[in-house]
Amino acid sequence: MPFLWNGNRCEDQQLQESLGAPVVMMSIAPNGRFMACFLANGVLTVMSTSFGNKILDFDTSSTRKPLQMVWCGEDAVLLSWSGFLLMVGPFGHWLQFPYAGVPTHVVPEADGVRVFTPKGCEMLQRVPPATDSIRRIFSTDPAALLYDAMERFEDGDVKADDAVIKD
């Protein structure tokens, strides 16, 4: 049972009802604010380390325990199974990376995760929100408009200024 030390006494956090299954594996975020729990029923639950807020429930559709579970930066969790990696980000967005027949070992770093295989090493990290706002299709973010104007200018388009000048 998860207990929280409060001054001179321990308090049971009554997580049996909110989690719904036994915790098989857990990992704390680098900033110490969040905790990821892989449950016996295959659900990845992310909650605050104060146990007050449940942030995310994500059904992995696998009751097999992952080989590793680490944080990728401050807001994404990477689960490693034999044959693939699963990255789960905020709001339940996810990406799967196949590594069929290749053993992997993942090591968390400050801004991502390093993936080691017998053939080499790769770095996985979430695309920063600032970069996403620039490169997102039909983005009207000021940085995206400026980037579009720069591309037009480099292509020799005489209307490059129209992309940044608003009436």
Protein backbone atom coordinates (compact mmCIF):
# COMPACT_ATOMS: atom_id res chain seq x y z
CA MET A 1 0.00 0.00 0.00
CA PRO A 2 1.35 3.47 -0.88
CA PHE A 3 1.90 5.59 2.19
CA LEU A 4 2.86 9.25 2.40
CA TRP A 5 5.01 10.42 5.29
CA ASN A 6 3.41 13.49 6.84
CA GLY A 7 5.44 14.96 9.68
CA ASN A 8 5.38 12.39 12.47
CA ARG A 9 2.97 9.89 10.93
CA CYS A 10 2.25 7.92 7.75
CA GLU A 11 -1.01 8.32 5.85
CA ASP A 12 -2.51 5.64 3.60
CA GLN A 13 -3.28 7.31 0.26
CA GLN A 14 -6.18 4.91 -0.55
CA LEU A 15 -4.96 4.32 -4.11
CA GLN A 16 -6.61 0.91 -4.49
CA GLU A 17 -9.81 2.49 -5.83
CA SER A 18 -8.17 5.06 -8.11
CA LEU A 19 -5.58 2.68 -9.65
CA GLY A 20 -7.80 -0.36 -10.06
CA ALA A 21 -4.95 -2.92 -10.31
CA PRO A 22 -1.64 -3.69 -8.60
CA VAL A 23 1.37 -1.57 -9.56
CA VAL A 24 3.94 -3.70 -11.39
CA MET A 25 6.50 -0.99 -12.24
CA MET A 26 6.92 2.71 -11.47
CA SER A 27 9.16 5.61 -12.45
CA ILE A 28 9.46 9.17 -11.12
CA ALA A 29 9.80 12.13 -13.53
CA PRO A 30 13.12 14.02 -13.50
CA ASN A 31 11.46 17.08 -11.96
CA GLY A 32 9.96 14.93 -9.18
CA ARG A 33 6.41 16.16 -9.86
CA PHE A 34 4.97 13.10 -11.62
CA MET A 35 4.99 9.34 -11.17
CA ALA A 36 4.29 6.79 -13.91
CA CYS A 37 2.86 3.44 -12.81
CA PHE A 38 2.46 0.38 -15.03
CA LEU A 39 -0.42 -1.67 -13.67
CA ALA A 40 -0.99 -5.44 -13.85
CA ASN A 41 -3.97 -4.88 -16.20
CA GLY A 42 -1.72 -3.15 -18.80
CA VAL A 43 -2.72 0.43 -18.02
CA LEU A 44 -0.08 3.15 -17.72
CA THR A 45 -1.18 5.65 -15.08
CA VAL A 46 0.56 8.99 -14.56
CA MET A 47 -0.20 10.88 -11.37
CA SER A 48 1.27 13.65 -9.27
CA THR A 49 3.78 12.53 -6.64
CA SER A 50 1.48 14.04 -4.01
CA PHE A 51 -1.07 11.39 -5.12
CA GLY A 52 -3.68 14.16 -5.42
CA ASN A 53 -4.17 14.26 -9.21
CA LYS A 54 -4.36 11.52 -11.77
CA ILE A 55 -2.98 12.97 -15.00
CA LEU A 56 -3.38 10.12 -17.46
CA ASP A 57 -4.66 6.57 -17.88
CA PHE A 58 -3.35 4.92 -21.06
CA ASP A 59 -4.27 1.34 -22.00
CA THR A 60 -1.19 -0.30 -23.53
CA SER A 61 -3.19 -3.42 -24.51
CA SER A 62 -0.41 -5.53 -23.02
CA THR A 63 -0.50 -7.30 -19.69
CA ARG A 64 3.16 -8.26 -20.14
CA LYS A 65 5.38 -6.19 -17.88
CA PRO A 66 7.70 -3.89 -19.88
CA LEU A 67 11.42 -4.57 -19.67
CA GLN A 68 12.04 -0.91 -18.82
CA MET A 69 9.99 2.20 -18.12
CA VAL A 70 11.76 5.58 -18.11
CA TRP A 71 10.85 9.23 -18.52
CA CYS A 72 11.69 10.94 -21.79
CA GLY A 73 12.22 14.52 -20.65
CA GLU A 74 9.66 15.98 -18.25
CA ASP A 75 6.40 14.92 -19.86
CA ALA A 76 6.66 11.66 -21.82
CA VAL A 77 7.12 8.06 -20.66
CA LEU A 78 8.98 5.43 -22.69
CA LEU A 79 8.13 1.77 -22.19
CA SER A 80 10.40 -0.91 -23.60
CA TRP A 81 9.25 -4.40 -24.58
CA SER A 82 11.06 -7.03 -26.59
CA GLY A 83 10.67 -5.88 -30.20
CA PHE A 84 9.36 -2.33 -29.74
CA LEU A 85 9.35 0.88 -27.71
CA LEU A 86 6.21 2.82 -26.83
CA MET A 87 6.40 6.55 -26.05
CA VAL A 88 3.33 8.03 -24.34
CA GLY A 89 3.11 11.80 -24.08
CA PRO A 90 0.70 14.28 -22.59
CA PHE A 91 -2.99 13.83 -23.38
CA GLY A 92 -2.36 10.16 -24.31
CA HIS A 93 -0.58 10.85 -27.60
CA TRP A 94 1.71 7.95 -28.38
CA LEU A 95 4.34 6.69 -30.83
CA GLN A 96 5.57 3.15 -31.34
CA PHE A 97 9.13 2.41 -32.47
CA PRO A 98 9.73 -1.11 -33.86
CA TYR A 99 12.95 -2.93 -32.98
CA ALA A 100 12.05 -6.43 -34.20
CA GLY A 101 14.68 -9.00 -33.32
CA VAL A 102 17.02 -6.35 -31.88
CA PRO A 103 17.59 -6.17 -28.12
CA THR A 104 17.39 -2.63 -26.76
CA HIS A 105 18.45 -0.88 -23.58
CA VAL A 106 17.15 2.63 -22.82
CA VAL A 107 18.87 5.23 -20.67
CA PRO A 108 17.08 8.46 -19.66
CA GLU A 109 18.82 11.78 -20.19
CA ALA A 110 17.88 15.37 -19.36
CA ASP A 111 15.93 16.02 -22.57
CA GLY A 112 15.26 12.56 -23.98
CA VAL A 113 16.19 8.90 -23.96
CA ARG A 114 19.22 7.20 -25.45
CA VAL A 115 18.43 3.83 -27.08
CA PHE A 116 21.28 1.34 -27.25
CA THR A 117 21.20 -1.62 -29.63
CA PRO A 118 23.98 -3.99 -30.73
CA LYS A 119 24.16 -1.98 -33.99
CA GLY A 120 24.43 1.50 -32.49
CA CYS A 121 22.89 4.25 -30.42
CA GLU A 122 19.92 6.54 -31.10
CA MET A 123 18.41 9.50 -29.29
CA LEU A 124 14.64 9.85 -28.82
CA GLN A 125 13.01 13.03 -27.58
CA ARG A 126 9.68 14.81 -27.85
CA VAL A 127 9.48 17.60 -30.38
CA PRO A 128 9.55 20.83 -28.34
CA PRO A 129 6.23 22.76 -28.44
CA ALA A 130 7.97 25.81 -29.96
CA THR A 131 9.25 23.73 -32.89
CA ASP A 132 5.87 22.05 -33.28
CA SER A 133 4.11 25.43 -33.52
CA ILE A 134 6.47 26.47 -36.35
CA ARG A 135 6.24 23.27 -38.41
CA ARG A 136 2.56 22.38 -37.82
CA ILE A 137 0.49 22.42 -41.02
CA PHE A 138 -1.55 25.65 -41.42
CA SER A 139 -0.01 27.16 -38.29
CA THR A 140 -0.69 30.88 -37.84
CA ASP A 141 1.78 31.20 -34.98
CA PRO A 142 3.98 34.31 -35.47
CA ALA A 143 7.12 32.15 -35.56
CA ALA A 144 5.54 29.98 -38.28
CA LEU A 145 4.68 33.05 -40.38
CA LEU A 146 8.23 34.35 -40.02
CA TYR A 147 9.67 30.96 -40.99
CA ASP A 148 7.37 30.84 -44.04
CA ALA A 149 8.52 34.35 -45.05
CA MET A 150 12.17 33.29 -44.70
CA GLU A 151 11.60 30.27 -46.95
CA ARG A 152 9.88 32.46 -49.55
CA PHE A 153 12.72 35.01 -49.38
CA GLU A 154 15.35 32.29 -49.89
CA ASP A 155 13.36 31.01 -52.89
CA GLY A 156 13.42 34.53 -54.40
CA ASP A 157 9.67 35.11 -54.05
CA VAL A 158 8.91 38.84 -54.35
CA LYS A 159 5.90 38.43 -52.03
CA ALA A 160 7.99 37.14 -49.12
CA ASP A 161 7.09 40.21 -47.03
CA ASP A 162 3.36 39.50 -47.41
CA ALA A 163 3.69 36.52 -45.08
CA VAL A 164 4.70 38.68 -42.11
CA ILE A 165 3.02 42.03 -42.82
CA LYS A 166 -0.52 42.17 -41.44
CA ASP A 167 -2.97 44.91 -42.41
